[in-house]
PDB file of all heavy atoms in Angstrom:
ATOM      1  N   VAL A   1      14.740  85.976   9.607  1.00  0.00           N
ATOM      2  CA  VAL A   1      14.098  86.748   8.585  1.00  0.00           C
ATOM      3  C   VAL A   1      13.205  85.845   7.738  1.00  0.00           C
ATOM      4  O   VAL A   1      13.565  84.755   7.427  1.00  0.00           O
ATOM      5  CB  VAL A   1      15.242  87.374   7.621  1.00  0.00           C
ATOM      6  CG1 VAL A   1      14.578  88.071   6.507  1.00  0.00           C
ATOM      7  CG2 VAL A   1      16.139  88.278   8.378  1.00  0.00           C
ATOM      8  N   GLU A   2      12.003  86.339   7.544  1.00  0.00           N
ATOM      9  CA  GLU A   2      11.011  85.541   6.780  1.00  0.00           C
ATOM     10  C   GLU A   2      11.465  85.528   5.325  1.00  0.00           C
ATOM     11  O   GLU A   2      11.941  86.553   4.775  1.00  0.00           O
ATOM     12  CB  GLU A   2       9.655  86.205   6.855  1.00  0.00           C
ATOM     13  CG  GLU A   2       8.530  85.307   6.185  1.00  0.00           C
ATOM     14  CD  GLU A   2       7.138  85.855   6.444  1.00  0.00           C
ATOM     15  OE1 GLU A   2       7.002  86.820   7.233  1.00  0.00           O
ATOM     16  OE2 GLU A   2       6.216  85.362   5.727  1.00  0.00           O
ATOM     17  N   LYS A   3      11.345  84.353   4.735  1.00  0.00           N
ATOM     18  CA  LYS A   3      11.812  84.233   3.342  1.00  0.00           C
ATOM     19  C   LYS A   3      11.131  85.254   2.426  1.00  0.00           C
ATOM     20  O   LYS A   3       9.932  85.491   2.563  1.00  0.00           O
ATOM     21  CB  LYS A   3      11.622  82.815   2.835  1.00  0.00           C
ATOM     22  CG  LYS A   3      12.465  81.788   3.463  1.00  0.00           C
ATOM     23  CD  LYS A   3      12.252  80.409   2.883  1.00  0.00           C
ATOM     24  CE  LYS A   3      13.262  79.373   3.509  1.00  0.00           C
ATOM     25  NZ  LYS A   3      13.007  78.027   2.919  1.00  0.00           N
ATOM     26  N   SER A   4      11.871  85.860   1.583  1.00  0.00           N
ATOM     27  CA  SER A   4      11.461  86.896   0.528  1.00  0.00           C
ATOM     28  C   SER A   4      11.074  88.169   1.144  1.00  0.00           C
ATOM     29  O   SER A   4      10.483  89.066   0.487  1.00  0.00           O
ATOM     30  CB  SER A   4      10.387  86.364  -0.324  1.00  0.00           C
ATOM     31  OG  SER A   4       9.073  86.352   0.291  1.00  0.00           O
ATOM     32  N   ALA A   5      11.323  88.386   2.484  1.00  0.00           N
ATOM     33  CA  ALA A   5      10.971  89.685   3.143  1.00  0.00           C
ATOM     34  C   ALA A   5      11.612  90.883   2.492  1.00  0.00           C
ATOM     35  O   ALA A   5      11.046  91.970   2.492  1.00  0.00           O
ATOM     36  CB  ALA A   5      11.340  89.603   4.648  1.00  0.00           C
ATOM     37  N   GLY A   6      12.827  90.633   1.972  1.00  0.00           N
ATOM     38  CA  GLY A   6      13.532  91.857   1.344  1.00  0.00           C
ATOM     39  C   GLY A   6      13.489  92.010  -0.094  1.00  0.00           C
ATOM     40  O   GLY A   6      14.010  92.972  -0.658  1.00  0.00           O
ATOM     41  N   ILE A   7      12.754  91.125  -0.794  1.00  0.00           N
ATOM     42  CA  ILE A   7      12.691  91.109  -2.235  1.00  0.00           C
ATOM     43  C   ILE A   7      12.285  92.445  -2.779  1.00  0.00           C
ATOM     44  O   ILE A   7      12.797  93.004  -3.734  1.00  0.00           O
ATOM     45  CB  ILE A   7      11.911  89.947  -2.790  1.00  0.00           C
ATOM     46  CG1 ILE A   7      12.476  88.635  -2.342  1.00  0.00           C
ATOM     47  CG2 ILE A   7      11.677  90.041  -4.242  1.00  0.00           C
ATOM     48  CD1 ILE A   7      13.858  88.394  -2.938  1.00  0.00           C
ATOM     49  N   GLY A   8      11.225  92.979  -2.223  1.00  0.00           N
ATOM     50  CA  GLY A   8      10.620  94.292  -2.731  1.00  0.00           C
ATOM     51  C   GLY A   8      11.619  95.418  -2.575  1.00  0.00           C
ATOM     52  O   GLY A   8      11.506  96.419  -3.308  1.00  0.00           O
ATOM     53  N   SER A   9      12.570  95.302  -1.729  1.00  0.00           N
ATOM     54  CA  SER A   9      13.568  96.379  -1.525  1.00  0.00           C
ATOM     55  C   SER A   9      14.937  95.957  -2.222  1.00  0.00           C
ATOM     56  O   SER A   9      15.880  96.714  -2.061  1.00  0.00           O
ATOM     57  CB  SER A   9      13.888  96.570  -0.024  1.00  0.00           C
ATOM     58  OG  SER A   9      12.739  97.096   0.601  1.00  0.00           O
ATOM     59  N   GLY A  10      14.919  94.852  -2.934  1.00  0.00           N
ATOM     60  CA  GLY A  10      16.089  94.479  -3.692  1.00  0.00           C
ATOM     61  C   GLY A  10      17.132  93.721  -2.970  1.00  0.00           C
ATOM     62  O   GLY A  10      18.243  93.571  -3.345  1.00  0.00           O
ATOM     63  N   PHE A  11      16.668  93.062  -1.822  1.00  0.00           N
ATOM     64  CA  PHE A  11      17.593  92.209  -1.046  1.00  0.00           C
ATOM     65  C   PHE A  11      17.166  90.750  -1.163  1.00  0.00           C
ATOM     66  O   PHE A  11      16.016  90.471  -0.879  1.00  0.00           O
ATOM     67  CB  PHE A  11      17.574  92.648   0.418  1.00  0.00           C
ATOM     68  CG  PHE A  11      17.941  94.044   0.655  1.00  0.00           C
ATOM     69  CD1 PHE A  11      17.046  94.952   1.255  1.00  0.00           C
ATOM     70  CD2 PHE A  11      19.135  94.572   0.330  1.00  0.00           C
ATOM     71  CE1 PHE A  11      17.421  96.319   1.495  1.00  0.00           C
ATOM     72  CE2 PHE A  11      19.513  95.906   0.518  1.00  0.00           C
ATOM     73  CZ  PHE A  11      18.641  96.741   1.095  1.00  0.00           C
ATOM     74  N   THR A  12      18.074  89.897  -1.455  1.00  0.00           N
ATOM     75  CA  THR A  12      17.805  88.494  -1.635  1.00  0.00           C
ATOM     76  C   THR A  12      17.957  87.743  -0.288  1.00  0.00           C
ATOM     77  O   THR A  12      18.569  88.180   0.618  1.00  0.00           O
ATOM     78  CB  THR A  12      18.702  87.872  -2.636  1.00  0.00           C
ATOM     79  OG1 THR A  12      20.102  87.859  -2.106  1.00  0.00           O
ATOM     80  CG2 THR A  12      18.680  88.588  -4.012  1.00  0.00           C
ATOM     81  N   ASP A  13      17.333  86.554  -0.284  1.00  0.00           N
ATOM     82  CA  ASP A  13      17.417  85.707   0.911  1.00  0.00           C
ATOM     83  C   ASP A  13      18.915  85.311   1.085  1.00  0.00           C
ATOM     84  O   ASP A  13      19.362  85.237   2.257  1.00  0.00           O
ATOM     85  CB  ASP A  13      16.591  84.450   0.742  1.00  0.00           C
ATOM     86  CG  ASP A  13      15.092  84.654   0.761  1.00  0.00           C
ATOM     87  OD1 ASP A  13      14.741  85.825   1.253  1.00  0.00           O
ATOM     88  OD2 ASP A  13      14.298  83.775   0.393  1.00  0.00           O
ATOM     89  N   GLU A  14      19.639  85.155   0.017  1.00  0.00           N
ATOM     90  CA  GLU A  14      21.023  84.792   0.065  1.00  0.00           C
ATOM     91  C   GLU A  14      21.848  85.898   0.811  1.00  0.00           C
ATOM     92  O   GLU A  14      22.793  85.549   1.547  1.00  0.00           O
ATOM     93  CB  GLU A  14      21.601  84.526  -1.279  1.00  0.00           C
ATOM     94  CG  GLU A  14      21.073  83.240  -1.989  1.00  0.00           C
ATOM     95  CD  GLU A  14      19.611  83.361  -2.449  1.00  0.00           C
ATOM     96  OE1 GLU A  14      19.155  84.538  -2.577  1.00  0.00           O
ATOM     97  OE2 GLU A  14      19.037  82.314  -2.687  1.00  0.00           O
ATOM     98  N   GLU A  15      21.496  87.133   0.606  1.00  0.00           N
ATOM     99  CA  GLU A  15      22.241  88.259   1.221  1.00  0.00           C
ATOM    100  C   GLU A  15      22.002  88.141   2.777  1.00  0.00           C
ATOM    101  O   GLU A  15      22.934  88.433   3.568  1.00  0.00           O
ATOM    102  CB  GLU A  15      21.764  89.566   0.725  1.00  0.00           C
ATOM    103  CG  GLU A  15      22.275  89.845  -0.676  1.00  0.00           C
ATOM    104  CD  GLU A  15      21.796  91.187  -1.250  1.00  0.00           C
ATOM    105  OE1 GLU A  15      20.665  91.175  -1.802  1.00  0.00           O
ATOM    106  OE2 GLU A  15      22.498  92.184  -1.186  1.00  0.00           O
ATOM    107  N   TYR A  16      20.754  87.913   3.195  1.00  0.00           N
ATOM    108  CA  TYR A  16      20.471  87.829   4.630  1.00  0.00           C
ATOM    109  C   TYR A  16      21.192  86.612   5.220  1.00  0.00           C
ATOM    110  O   TYR A  16      21.798  86.636   6.315  1.00  0.00           O
ATOM    111  CB  TYR A  16      18.988  87.692   4.841  1.00  0.00           C
ATOM    112  CG  TYR A  16      18.335  88.993   4.745  1.00  0.00           C
ATOM    113  CD1 TYR A  16      17.505  89.315   3.607  1.00  0.00           C
ATOM    114  CD2 TYR A  16      18.408  89.994   5.752  1.00  0.00           C
ATOM    115  CE1 TYR A  16      16.862  90.549   3.437  1.00  0.00           C
ATOM    116  CE2 TYR A  16      17.760  91.263   5.571  1.00  0.00           C
ATOM    117  CZ  TYR A  16      16.962  91.489   4.491  1.00  0.00           C
ATOM    118  OH  TYR A  16      16.354  92.739   4.364  1.00  0.00           O
ATOM    119  N   ALA A  17      21.235  85.423   4.476  1.00  0.00           N
ATOM    120  CA  ALA A  17      21.921  84.235   5.032  1.00  0.00           C
ATOM    121  C   ALA A  17      23.395  84.537   5.118  1.00  0.00           C
ATOM    122  O   ALA A  17      24.000  84.126   6.126  1.00  0.00           O
ATOM    123  CB  ALA A  17      21.588  83.120   4.041  1.00  0.00           C
ATOM    124  N   ALA A  18      23.987  85.282   4.196  1.00  0.00           N
ATOM    125  CA  ALA A  18      25.428  85.600   4.272  1.00  0.00           C
ATOM    126  C   ALA A  18      25.705  86.468   5.405  1.00  0.00           C
ATOM    127  O   ALA A  18      26.806  86.545   5.936  1.00  0.00           O
ATOM    128  CB  ALA A  18      25.859  86.203   2.982  1.00  0.00           C
ATOM    129  N   ALA A  19      24.699  87.315   5.833  1.00  0.00           N
ATOM    130  CA  ALA A  19      24.820  88.159   6.969  1.00  0.00           C
ATOM    131  C   ALA A  19      24.665  87.562   8.325  1.00  0.00           C
ATOM    132  O   ALA A  19      24.791  88.194   9.358  1.00  0.00           O
ATOM    133  CB  ALA A  19      23.822  89.324   6.848  1.00  0.00           C
ATOM    134  N   GLY A  20      24.363  86.240   8.241  1.00  0.00           N
ATOM    135  CA  GLY A  20      24.238  85.425   9.530  1.00  0.00           C
ATOM    136  C   GLY A  20      22.841  85.238   9.992  1.00  0.00           C
ATOM    137  O   GLY A  20      22.602  84.612  11.019  1.00  0.00           O
ATOM    138  N   ALA A  21      21.842  85.765   9.200  1.00  0.00           N
ATOM    139  CA  ALA A  21      20.413  85.575   9.613  1.00  0.00           C
ATOM    140  C   ALA A  21      19.949  84.148   9.265  1.00  0.00           C
ATOM    141  O   ALA A  21      20.434  83.565   8.342  1.00  0.00           O
ATOM    142  CB  ALA A  21      19.565  86.617   8.850  1.00  0.00           C
ATOM    143  N   ILE A  22      18.920  83.696   9.930  1.00  0.00           N
ATOM    144  CA  ILE A  22      18.317  82.485   9.668  1.00  0.00           C
ATOM    145  C   ILE A  22      16.942  82.623   9.014  1.00  0.00           C
ATOM    146  O   ILE A  22      16.130  83.444   9.465  1.00  0.00           O
ATOM    147  CB  ILE A  22      18.077  81.650  11.024  1.00  0.00           C
ATOM    148  CG1 ILE A  22      19.444  81.429  11.718  1.00  0.00           C
ATOM    149  CG2 ILE A  22      17.346  80.356  10.745  1.00  0.00           C
ATOM    150  CD1 ILE A  22      19.291  80.926  13.180  1.00  0.00           C
ATOM    151  N   LEU A  23      16.706  82.036   7.867  1.00  0.00           N
ATOM    152  CA  LEU A  23      15.525  82.267   7.091  1.00  0.00           C
ATOM    153  C   LEU A  23      14.451  81.248   7.505  1.00  0.00           C
ATOM    154  O   LEU A  23      14.662  80.083   7.723  1.00  0.00           O
ATOM    155  CB  LEU A  23      15.843  82.067   5.577  1.00  0.00           C
ATOM    156  CG  LEU A  23      16.744  83.127   5.062  1.00  0.00           C
ATOM    157  CD1 LEU A  23      17.426  82.665   3.705  1.00  0.00           C
ATOM    158  CD2 LEU A  23      16.040  84.472   4.938  1.00  0.00           C
ATOM    159  N   LEU A  24      13.214  81.759   7.655  1.00  0.00           N
ATOM    160  CA  LEU A  24      12.039  80.975   7.974  1.00  0.00           C
ATOM    161  C   LEU A  24      10.904  81.254   6.991  1.00  0.00           C
ATOM    162  O   LEU A  24      10.854  82.490   6.559  1.00  0.00           O
ATOM    163  CB  LEU A  24      11.567  81.206   9.359  1.00  0.00           C
ATOM    164  CG  LEU A  24      12.425  80.749  10.584  1.00  0.00           C
ATOM    165  CD1 LEU A  24      11.812  81.185  11.903  1.00  0.00           C
ATOM    166  CD2 LEU A  24      12.592  79.242  10.575  1.00  0.00           C
ATOM    167  N   ASP A  25      10.057  80.385   6.673  1.00  0.00           N
ATOM    168  CA  ASP A  25       8.981  80.638   5.790  1.00  0.00           C
ATOM    169  C   ASP A  25       7.611  80.636   6.394  1.00  0.00           C
ATOM    170  O   ASP A  25       6.610  80.841   5.772  1.00  0.00           O
ATOM    171  CB  ASP A  25       8.975  79.661   4.589  1.00  0.00           C
ATOM    172  CG  ASP A  25       8.921  78.203   5.082  1.00  0.00           C
ATOM    173  OD1 ASP A  25       8.685  77.985   6.237  1.00  0.00           O
ATOM    174  OD2 ASP A  25       9.048  77.350   4.123  1.00  0.00           O
ATOM    175  N   ASN A  26       7.611  80.449   7.747  1.00  0.00           N
ATOM    176  CA  ASN A  26       6.321  80.434   8.494  1.00  0.00           C
ATOM    177  C   ASN A  26       6.272  81.659   9.408  1.00  0.00           C
ATOM    178  O   ASN A  26       6.998  81.718  10.448  1.00  0.00           O
ATOM    179  CB  ASN A  26       6.266  79.119   9.328  1.00  0.00           C
ATOM    180  CG  ASN A  26       4.927  79.030  10.030  1.00  0.00           C
ATOM    181  OD1 ASN A  26       4.308  79.986  10.391  1.00  0.00           O
ATOM    182  ND2 ASN A  26       4.482  77.768  10.169  1.00  0.00           N
ATOM    183  N   PRO A  27       5.431  82.678   9.023  1.00  0.00           N
ATOM    184  CA  PRO A  27       5.345  83.847   9.917  1.00  0.00           C
ATOM    185  C   PRO A  27       4.975  83.629  11.378  1.00  0.00           C
ATOM    186  O   PRO A  27       5.517  84.230  12.346  1.00  0.00           O
ATOM    187  CB  PRO A  27       4.343  84.742   9.232  1.00  0.00           C
ATOM    188  CG  PRO A  27       3.550  83.884   8.353  1.00  0.00           C
ATOM    189  CD  PRO A  27       4.486  82.730   7.975  1.00  0.00           C
ATOM    190  N   ARG A  28       4.073  82.638  11.568  1.00  0.00           N
ATOM    191  CA  ARG A  28       3.752  82.346  12.976  1.00  0.00           C
ATOM    192  C   ARG A  28       4.888  81.858  13.828  1.00  0.00           C
ATOM    193  O   ARG A  28       5.140  82.233  14.906  1.00  0.00           O
ATOM    194  CB  ARG A  28       2.638  81.255  12.968  1.00  0.00           C
ATOM    195  CG  ARG A  28       2.103  80.883  14.384  1.00  0.00           C
ATOM    196  CD  ARG A  28       1.006  79.860  14.348  1.00  0.00           C
ATOM    197  NE  ARG A  28      -0.218  80.421  13.689  1.00  0.00           N
ATOM    198  CZ  ARG A  28      -1.105  81.135  14.343  1.00  0.00           C
ATOM    199  NH1 ARG A  28      -0.967  81.392  15.638  1.00  0.00           N
ATOM    200  NH2 ARG A  28      -2.174  81.595  13.748  1.00  0.00           N
ATOM    201  N   GLU A  29       5.716  81.085  13.165  1.00  0.00           N
ATOM    202  CA  GLU A  29       6.950  80.568  13.820  1.00  0.00           C
ATOM    203  C   GLU A  29       7.903  81.646  14.108  1.00  0.00           C
ATOM    204  O   GLU A  29       8.557  81.714  15.140  1.00  0.00           O
ATOM    205  CB  GLU A  29       7.626  79.500  12.968  1.00  0.00           C
ATOM    206  CG  GLU A  29       8.775  78.750  13.548  1.00  0.00           C
ATOM    207  CD  GLU A  29       8.364  77.797  14.695  1.00  0.00           C
ATOM    208  OE1 GLU A  29       7.183  77.439  14.743  1.00  0.00           O
ATOM    209  OE2 GLU A  29       9.213  77.406  15.479  1.00  0.00           O
ATOM    210  N   LEU A  30       7.974  82.624  13.131  1.00  0.00           N
ATOM    211  CA  LEU A  30       8.793  83.769  13.307  1.00  0.00           C
ATOM    212  C   LEU A  30       8.450  84.607  14.619  1.00  0.00           C
ATOM    213  O   LEU A  30       9.333  84.966  15.407  1.00  0.00           O
ATOM    214  CB  LEU A  30       8.660  84.674  12.089  1.00  0.00           C
ATOM    215  CG  LEU A  30       9.826  85.599  11.706  1.00  0.00           C
ATOM    216  CD1 LEU A  30      10.879  84.776  10.966  1.00  0.00           C
ATOM    217  CD2 LEU A  30       9.298  86.662  10.730  1.00  0.00           C
ATOM    218  N   TYR A  31       7.172  84.801  14.766  1.00  0.00           N
ATOM    219  CA  TYR A  31       6.625  85.544  15.943  1.00  0.00           C
ATOM    220  C   TYR A  31       6.901  84.716  17.177  1.00  0.00           C
ATOM    221  O   TYR A  31       7.220  85.238  18.292  1.00  0.00           O
ATOM    222  CB  TYR A  31       5.214  85.923  15.746  1.00  0.00           C
ATOM    223  CG  TYR A  31       4.953  87.125  14.915  1.00  0.00           C
ATOM    224  CD1 TYR A  31       4.974  87.124  13.525  1.00  0.00           C
ATOM    225  CD2 TYR A  31       4.727  88.356  15.542  1.00  0.00           C
ATOM    226  CE1 TYR A  31       4.707  88.277  12.749  1.00  0.00           C
ATOM    227  CE2 TYR A  31       4.426  89.538  14.789  1.00  0.00           C
ATOM    228  CZ  TYR A  31       4.467  89.459  13.402  1.00  0.00           C
ATOM    229  OH  TYR A  31       4.238  90.589  12.622  1.00  0.00           O
ATOM    230  N   LEU A  32       6.620  83.423  17.073  1.00  0.00           N
ATOM    231  CA  LEU A  32       6.625  82.554  18.266  1.00  0.00           C
ATOM    232  C   LEU A  32       8.013  82.475  18.933  1.00  0.00           C
ATOM    233  O   LEU A  32       8.207  82.471  20.117  1.00  0.00           O
ATOM    234  CB  LEU A  32       6.189  81.119  17.856  1.00  0.00           C
ATOM    235  CG  LEU A  32       6.097  80.129  19.008  1.00  0.00           C
ATOM    236  CD1 LEU A  32       5.083  80.524  20.028  1.00  0.00           C
ATOM    237  CD2 LEU A  32       5.741  78.704  18.445  1.00  0.00           C
ATOM    238  N   ARG A  33       9.082  82.487  18.035  1.00  0.00           N
ATOM    239  CA  ARG A  33      10.387  82.410  18.435  1.00  0.00           C
ATOM    240  C   ARG A  33      10.969  83.767  18.979  1.00  0.00           C
ATOM    241  O   ARG A  33      11.943  83.699  19.739  1.00  0.00           O
ATOM    242  CB  ARG A  33      11.292  81.868  17.409  1.00  0.00           C
ATOM    243  CG  ARG A  33      10.989  80.431  16.965  1.00  0.00           C
ATOM    244  CD  ARG A  33      12.017  79.910  15.938  1.00  0.00           C
ATOM    245  NE  ARG A  33      11.733  78.737  15.413  1.00  0.00           N
ATOM    246  CZ  ARG A  33      12.568  77.891  14.688  1.00  0.00           C
ATOM    247  NH1 ARG A  33      13.760  78.326  14.470  1.00  0.00           N
ATOM    248  NH2 ARG A  33      12.152  76.750  14.198  1.00  0.00           N
ATOM    249  N   ALA A  34      10.392  84.872  18.676  1.00  0.00           N
ATOM    250  CA  ALA A  34      11.082  86.163  18.831  1.00  0.00           C
ATOM    251  C   ALA A  34      10.869  86.689  20.288  1.00  0.00           C
ATOM    252  O   ALA A  34       9.808  86.560  20.856  1.00  0.00           O
ATOM    253  CB  ALA A  34      10.429  87.096  17.858  1.00  0.00           C
ATOM    254  N   ASP A  35      11.994  87.296  20.780  1.00  0.00           N
ATOM    255  CA  ASP A  35      11.885  88.155  21.892  1.00  0.00           C
ATOM    256  C   ASP A  35      11.444  89.554  21.412  1.00  0.00           C
ATOM    257  O   ASP A  35      10.744  90.224  22.128  1.00  0.00           O
ATOM    258  CB  ASP A  35      13.330  88.284  22.571  1.00  0.00           C
ATOM    259  CG  ASP A  35      13.803  87.008  23.089  1.00  0.00           C
ATOM    260  OD1 ASP A  35      13.005  86.249  23.792  1.00  0.00           O
ATOM    261  OD2 ASP A  35      14.981  86.674  22.761  1.00  0.00           O
ATOM    262  N   MET A  36      11.865  89.919  20.285  1.00  0.00           N
ATOM    263  CA  MET A  36      11.531  91.188  19.719  1.00  0.00           C
ATOM    264  C   MET A  36      11.290  91.037  18.162  1.00  0.00           C
ATOM    265  O   MET A  36      12.012  90.488  17.506  1.00  0.00           O
ATOM    266  CB  MET A  36      12.687  92.227  19.855  1.00  0.00           C
ATOM    267  CG  MET A  36      12.398  93.624  19.232  1.00  0.00           C
ATOM    268  SD  MET A  36      13.484  94.923  19.837  1.00  0.00           S
ATOM    269  CE  MET A  36      15.072  94.295  19.202  1.00  0.00           C
ATOM    270  N   VAL A  37      10.065  91.618  17.737  1.00  0.00           N
ATOM    271  CA  VAL A  37       9.763  91.655  16.372  1.00  0.00           C
ATOM    272  C   VAL A  37       9.947  93.090  15.869  1.00  0.00           C
ATOM    273  O   VAL A  37       9.430  94.024  16.410  1.00  0.00           O
ATOM    274  CB  VAL A  37       8.249  91.241  16.135  1.00  0.00           C
ATOM    275  CG1 VAL A  37       7.861  91.431  14.657  1.00  0.00           C
ATOM    276  CG2 VAL A  37       8.095  89.763  16.502  1.00  0.00           C
ATOM    277  N   VAL A  38      10.732  93.212  14.830  1.00  0.00           N
ATOM    278  CA  VAL A  38      10.976  94.526  14.256  1.00  0.00           C
ATOM    279  C   VAL A  38      10.329  94.586  12.855  1.00  0.00           C
ATOM    280  O   VAL A  38      10.641  93.796  12.011  1.00  0.00           O
ATOM    281  CB  VAL A  38      12.546  94.794  14.057  1.00  0.00           C
ATOM    282  CG1 VAL A  38      12.783  96.160  13.514  1.00  0.00           C
ATOM    283  CG2 VAL A  38      13.191  94.639  15.418  1.00  0.00           C
ATOM    284  N   LYS A  39       9.352  95.523  12.727  1.00  0.00           N
ATOM    285  CA  LYS A  39       8.652  95.694  11.467  1.00  0.00           C
ATOM    286  C   LYS A  39       8.713  97.028  10.872  1.00  0.00           C
ATOM    287  O   LYS A  39       9.391  97.884  11.448  1.00  0.00           O
ATOM    288  CB  LYS A  39       7.164  95.356  11.751  1.00  0.00           C
ATOM    289  CG  LYS A  39       6.780  93.897  12.048  1.00  0.00           C
ATOM    290  CD  LYS A  39       5.272  93.744  12.246  1.00  0.00           C
ATOM    291  CE  LYS A  39       4.552  93.394  10.948  1.00  0.00           C
ATOM    292  NZ  LYS A  39       4.257  94.607  10.090  1.00  0.00           N
ATOM    293  N   VAL A  40       8.055  97.246   9.797  1.00  0.00           N
ATOM    294  CA  VAL A  40       7.859  98.583   9.171  1.00  0.00           C
ATOM    295  C   VAL A  40       6.507  99.141   9.549  1.00  0.00           C
ATOM    296  O   VAL A  40       6.394 100.189  10.177  1.00  0.00           O
ATOM    297  CB  VAL A  40       8.070  98.556   7.660  1.00  0.00           C
ATOM    298  CG1 VAL A  40       7.900  99.982   7.057  1.00  0.00           C
ATOM    299  CG2 VAL A  40       9.454  98.000   7.295  1.00  0.00           C
ATOM    300  N   LYS A  41       5.470  98.420   9.202  1.00  0.00           N
ATOM    301  CA  LYS A  41       4.105  98.907   9.465  1.00  0.00           C
ATOM    302  C   LYS A  41       3.458  98.134  10.539  1.00  0.00           C
ATOM    303  O   LYS A  41       3.889  97.039  10.973  1.00  0.00           O
ATOM    304  CB  LYS A  41       3.304  98.743   8.126  1.00  0.00           C
ATOM    305  CG  LYS A  41       3.717  99.687   7.022  1.00  0.00           C
ATOM    306  CD  LYS A  41       3.598 101.123   7.346  1.00  0.00           C
ATOM    307  CE  LYS A  41       2.181 101.640   7.516  1.00  0.00           C
ATOM    308  NZ  LYS A  41       2.091 103.018   7.897  1.00  0.00           N
ATOM    309  N   GLU A  42       2.387  98.690  11.048  1.00  0.00           N
ATOM    310  CA  GLU A  42       1.586  98.097  12.105  1.00  0.00           C
ATOM    311  C   GLU A  42       1.059  96.727  11.688  1.00  0.00           C
ATOM    312  O   GLU A  42       0.853  96.448  10.564  1.00  0.00           O
ATOM    313  CB  GLU A  42       0.490  99.020  12.506  1.00  0.00           C
ATOM    314  CG  GLU A  42      -0.663  99.119  11.507  1.00  0.00           C
ATOM    315  CD  GLU A  42      -0.437  99.997  10.352  1.00  0.00           C
ATOM    316  OE1 GLU A  42       0.610 100.662  10.308  1.00  0.00           O
ATOM    317  OE2 GLU A  42      -1.309 100.026   9.366  1.00  0.00           O
ATOM    318  N   PRO A  43       0.893  95.786  12.645  1.00  0.00           N
ATOM    319  CA  PRO A  43       0.238  94.478  12.334  1.00  0.00           C
ATOM    320  C   PRO A  43      -1.138  94.701  11.792  1.00  0.00           C
ATOM    321  O   PRO A  43      -1.874  95.585  12.288  1.00  0.00           O
ATOM    322  CB  PRO A  43       0.304  93.778  13.693  1.00  0.00           C
ATOM    323  CG  PRO A  43       1.331  94.441  14.534  1.00  0.00           C
ATOM    324  CD  PRO A  43       1.333  95.904  14.058  1.00  0.00           C
TER     325      PRO A  43
END
Protein backbone atom coordinates (compact mmCIF):
# COMPACT_ATOMS: atom_id res chain seq x y z
CA VAL A 1 0.00 0.00 0.00
CA GLU A 2 1.40 3.39 -0.93
CA LYS A 3 1.88 5.57 2.13
CA SER A 4 -1.07 7.89 2.84
CA ALA A 5 -3.18 6.16 0.15
CA GLY A 6 -6.10 5.81 2.55
CA ILE A 7 -5.91 9.16 4.35
CA GLY A 8 -8.63 10.79 2.23
CA SER A 9 -11.00 7.98 3.15
CA GLY A 10 -10.11 8.11 6.83
CA PHE A 11 -7.73 5.12 6.93
CA THR A 12 -4.28 5.54 8.47
CA ASP A 13 -1.05 3.86 7.41
CA GLU A 14 -1.02 2.21 10.82
CA GLU A 15 -4.34 0.50 10.10
CA TYR A 16 -2.98 -0.98 6.88
CA ALA A 17 0.20 -2.11 8.64
CA ALA A 18 -1.88 -3.77 11.37
CA ALA A 19 -3.80 -5.57 8.60
CA GLY A 20 -0.53 -7.08 7.36
CA ALA A 21 0.09 -4.73 4.42
CA ILE A 22 3.58 -3.41 3.60
CA LEU A 23 3.82 0.36 3.17
CA LEU A 24 5.89 1.89 0.36
CA ASP A 25 6.38 5.56 -0.49
CA ASN A 26 7.59 5.12 -4.07
CA PRO A 27 4.74 4.56 -6.59
CA ARG A 28 7.12 3.29 -9.28
CA GLU A 29 8.39 0.62 -6.89
CA LEU A 30 4.79 -0.24 -6.05
CA TYR A 31 3.99 -0.94 -9.71
CA LEU A 32 7.33 -2.67 -10.35
CA ARG A 33 6.77 -5.25 -7.63
CA ALA A 34 3.11 -5.96 -8.37
CA ASP A 35 1.56 -8.92 -10.13
CA MET A 36 -1.73 -7.01 -9.89
CA VAL A 37 -2.41 -3.33 -9.31
CA VAL A 38 -5.83 -2.53 -7.87
CA LYS A 39 -6.93 1.08 -8.29
CA VAL A 40 -10.05 3.22 -8.22
CA LYS A 41 -9.56 5.46 -11.26
CA GLU A 42 -7.80 4.97 -14.58
CA PRO A 43 -4.04 5.70 -14.72
